[in-house]
């Protein structure tokens, strides 16, 4: 993977806002920055990302780990990346997965994304 605009996209400084605001914005910022980084390196879909080399996946995982403090945050970043980068079939599978888990808020977000495709 060719690395373009790494320093321009990623900023690892911690925010000093209130805890609830930091959690939401930090997660969204991380997902957005990783997606932009992937796009600048010609990776536009979740499937392209997952079919990349182990090194590509390792690099992105390390970036996500720098932003996140725990496993829940990592899972939320991956969910947001799947939501943004997923194609119709991938989103339908993701919807089934979250329906089984009874996470209806995420199901609603996925349905909105599917409707916009």
Protein backbone atom coordinates (compact mmCIF):
# COMPACT_ATOMS: atom_id res chain seq x y z
CA UNK A 1 0.00 0.00 0.00
CA UNK A 2 1.33 3.41 -0.92
CA UNK A 3 0.99 5.80 2.01
CA UNK A 4 -0.32 9.21 0.97
CA UNK A 5 -1.04 12.19 3.21
CA UNK A 6 -0.43 10.31 6.48
CA UNK A 7 0.66 13.33 8.52
CA UNK A 8 -2.08 15.54 7.06
CA UNK A 9 -4.88 13.13 7.97
CA UNK A 10 -3.91 11.78 11.38
CA UNK A 11 -3.64 13.86 14.51
CA UNK A 12 -3.17 11.80 17.68
CA UNK A 13 -3.58 14.60 20.21
CA UNK A 14 -6.07 13.81 22.98
CA UNK A 15 -9.01 16.13 23.51
CA UNK A 16 -9.83 17.60 26.92
CA UNK A 17 -13.60 17.91 26.38
CA UNK A 18 -16.11 16.24 28.66
CA UNK A 19 -15.92 12.45 28.67
CA UNK A 20 -19.20 11.76 26.83
CA UNK A 21 -18.36 14.22 24.05
CA UNK A 22 -14.82 12.89 23.71
CA UNK A 23 -15.99 9.30 23.32
CA UNK A 24 -18.40 10.00 20.47
CA UNK A 25 -16.28 12.53 18.60
CA UNK A 26 -13.03 10.60 19.05
CA UNK A 27 -14.58 7.46 17.58
CA UNK A 28 -16.17 9.30 14.67
CA UNK A 29 -12.95 11.23 14.03
CA UNK A 30 -10.91 8.03 13.99
CA UNK A 31 -13.28 6.28 11.56
CA UNK A 32 -13.37 9.35 9.32
CA UNK A 33 -9.58 9.75 9.31
CA UNK A 34 -8.97 6.06 8.56
CA UNK A 35 -11.53 6.10 5.73
CA UNK A 36 -9.95 9.22 4.23
CA UNK A 37 -6.52 7.64 4.54
CA UNK A 38 -7.74 4.49 2.79
CA UNK A 39 -9.40 6.51 0.03
CA UNK A 40 -6.20 8.49 -0.54
CA UNK A 41 -4.53 5.11 -1.05
CA UNK A 42 -7.18 3.88 -3.52
CA UNK A 43 -9.13 1.66 -1.12
CA UNK A 44 -12.80 2.60 -1.37
CA UNK A 45 -14.80 -0.36 -0.06
CA UNK A 46 -14.73 -2.57 3.01
CA UNK A 47 -14.15 -5.59 0.78
CA UNK A 48 -11.06 -3.95 -0.78
CA UNK A 49 -9.74 -3.22 2.70
CA UNK A 50 -10.33 -6.76 3.95
CA UNK A 51 -8.74 -8.30 0.85
CA UNK A 52 -5.56 -6.26 1.25
CA UNK A 53 -2.30 -7.60 2.57
CA UNK A 54 -1.72 -8.51 6.20
CA UNK A 55 0.64 -5.56 6.44
CA UNK A 56 -2.07 -3.14 5.25
CA UNK A 57 -4.47 -4.49 7.84
CA UNK A 58 -1.77 -4.34 10.54
CA UNK A 59 -0.99 -0.68 9.77
CA UNK A 60 -4.66 0.34 9.95
CA UNK A 61 -5.14 -1.65 13.15
CA UNK A 62 -2.20 0.17 14.72
CA UNK A 63 -3.67 3.53 13.72
CA UNK A 64 -7.05 2.61 15.21
CA UNK A 65 -5.35 1.43 18.40
CA UNK A 66 -3.70 4.86 18.80
CA UNK A 67 -7.12 6.52 18.87
CA UNK A 68 -8.99 3.97 20.99
CA UNK A 69 -8.69 3.23 24.67
CA UNK A 70 -10.60 -0.07 24.79
CA UNK A 71 -12.12 -2.87 22.72
CA UNK A 72 -15.58 -1.25 22.64
CA UNK A 73 -14.14 1.82 20.95
CA UNK A 74 -12.25 -0.32 18.43
CA UNK A 75 -15.45 -2.22 17.60
CA UNK A 76 -17.35 1.05 17.18
CA UNK A 77 -14.69 2.38 14.78
CA UNK A 78 -14.86 -0.81 12.73
CA UNK A 79 -18.67 -0.59 12.68
CA UNK A 80 -18.53 3.00 11.41
CA UNK A 81 -15.99 2.02 8.77
CA UNK A 82 -18.18 -0.89 7.62
CA UNK A 83 -21.19 1.40 7.55
CA UNK A 84 -19.43 4.00 5.42
CA UNK A 85 -17.39 1.72 3.17
CA UNK A 86 -19.77 -1.22 2.87
CA UNK A 87 -21.47 -2.13 -0.37
CA UNK A 88 -25.14 -3.15 -0.46
CA UNK A 89 -24.55 -6.88 0.09
CA UNK A 90 -22.12 -6.23 2.94
CA UNK A 91 -24.55 -3.83 4.60
CA UNK A 92 -27.38 -6.36 4.32
CA UNK A 93 -25.20 -8.95 6.06
CA UNK A 94 -24.26 -6.39 8.70
CA UNK A 95 -27.96 -5.61 9.24
CA UNK A 96 -28.75 -9.30 9.85
CA UNK A 97 -25.85 -9.52 12.28
CA UNK A 98 -27.08 -6.58 14.36
CA UNK A 99 -30.71 -7.74 14.21
CA UNK A 100 -29.58 -11.01 15.79
CA UNK A 101 -27.72 -9.04 18.47
CA UNK A 102 -30.85 -6.88 18.93
CA UNK A 103 -28.90 -3.64 18.49
CA UNK A 104 -31.75 -1.71 16.94
CA UNK A 105 -30.09 1.71 16.89
CA UNK A 106 -27.35 0.34 14.66
CA UNK A 107 -29.97 -1.48 12.57
CA UNK A 108 -31.68 1.86 11.99
CA UNK A 109 -28.41 3.46 10.87
CA UNK A 110 -27.72 0.59 8.49
CA UNK A 111 -31.24 0.75 7.03
CA UNK A 112 -30.80 4.49 6.42
CA UNK A 113 -27.53 3.82 4.61
CA UNK A 114 -29.14 1.06 2.53
CA UNK A 115 -32.01 3.36 1.59
CA UNK A 116 -29.55 6.00 0.42
CA UNK A 117 -27.77 3.58 -1.93
